[in-house]
Amino acid sequence: MGAQSISSYTVIYMLSEGEVRVTKKGEYRDSMGPGKLFGELAILYNCTRTATIKAVGNVKVKTEQRNISIAVV
């Protein structure tokens, strides 16, 4: 499978295999391995993604879709 770009703001990702690198504005910030979550800030704060995640080799990622409802009173 080729590289994929995922940008949905309602999905949380969990890395199940492999390693990814985290960059922000092109600057390296961290590496993450199996069991790490990412994408949660965009859901929690209803904002755009704050970092870029790139695979280092092959990775497997599990996703969890969140349906968010906001009540206006």
Protein backbone atom coordinates (compact mmCIF):
# COMPACT_ATOMS: atom_id res chain seq x y z
CA MET A 1 0.00 0.00 0.00
CA GLY A 2 1.28 3.46 -0.87
CA ALA A 3 1.50 6.56 1.28
CA GLN A 4 -1.79 8.06 2.36
CA SER A 5 -2.66 11.51 3.55
CA ILE A 6 -5.37 11.57 6.20
CA SER A 7 -6.76 14.85 7.49
CA SER A 8 -10.19 14.16 8.99
CA TYR A 9 -10.69 16.18 12.16
CA THR A 10 -13.06 13.60 13.67
CA VAL A 11 -10.68 10.64 13.79
CA ILE A 12 -8.27 9.54 16.51
CA TYR A 13 -5.37 7.35 15.41
CA MET A 14 -3.51 4.64 17.34
CA LEU A 15 -0.23 3.34 16.02
CA SER A 16 -0.33 -0.46 16.26
CA GLU A 17 2.90 -1.30 14.39
CA GLY A 18 5.93 0.64 13.22
CA GLU A 19 7.27 4.10 13.93
CA VAL A 20 6.25 7.62 12.93
CA ARG A 21 7.98 10.98 13.14
CA VAL A 22 6.23 14.09 14.39
CA THR A 23 7.07 17.47 12.86
CA LYS A 24 5.62 20.92 13.39
CA LYS A 25 6.23 23.63 10.79
CA GLY A 26 8.87 21.35 9.26
CA GLU A 27 10.82 20.98 12.52
CA TYR A 28 11.32 17.52 14.07
CA ARG A 29 9.54 17.19 17.42
CA ASP A 30 9.34 13.50 18.38
CA SER A 31 9.09 9.86 17.28
CA MET A 32 6.28 7.56 18.32
CA GLY A 33 5.89 3.79 18.36
CA PRO A 34 3.16 1.20 18.92
CA GLY A 35 0.43 2.14 21.38
CA LYS A 36 0.73 5.90 20.90
CA LEU A 37 -2.34 7.99 20.03
CA PHE A 38 -2.46 11.05 17.79
CA GLY A 39 -5.13 13.30 16.33
CA GLU A 40 -6.95 13.80 19.62
CA LEU A 41 -6.28 17.54 19.93
CA ALA A 42 -8.25 18.37 16.80
CA ILE A 43 -11.27 16.60 18.29
CA LEU A 44 -10.94 17.91 21.82
CA TYR A 45 -10.42 21.53 20.81
CA ASN A 46 -12.26 21.55 17.45
CA CYS A 47 -9.15 22.85 15.71
CA THR A 48 -7.00 22.00 12.72
CA ARG A 49 -4.21 19.48 13.08
CA THR A 50 -1.28 20.87 15.04
CA ALA A 51 1.49 18.59 13.72
CA THR A 52 2.44 16.39 10.78
CA ILE A 53 2.88 12.64 11.27
CA LYS A 54 5.02 10.70 8.77
CA ALA A 55 5.68 6.97 8.71
CA VAL A 56 9.21 5.65 9.07
CA GLY A 57 8.86 2.53 6.94
CA ASN A 58 5.68 0.45 7.09
CA VAL A 59 3.13 1.17 9.80
CA LYS A 60 -0.29 -0.06 10.83
CA VAL A 61 -2.73 2.45 12.29
CA LYS A 62 -6.09 1.83 13.93
CA THR A 63 -8.69 4.58 13.72
CA GLU A 64 -11.60 5.55 15.90
CA GLN A 65 -14.29 7.80 14.44
CA ARG A 66 -15.86 10.28 16.85
CA ASN A 67 -19.26 11.80 16.22
CA ILE A 68 -19.40 15.13 17.97
CA SER A 69 -22.59 16.95 18.77
CA ILE A 70 -22.75 20.43 20.18
CA ALA A 71 -25.92 21.55 21.89
CA VAL A 72 -26.85 25.20 21.70
CA VAL A 73 -29.07 26.38 24.56
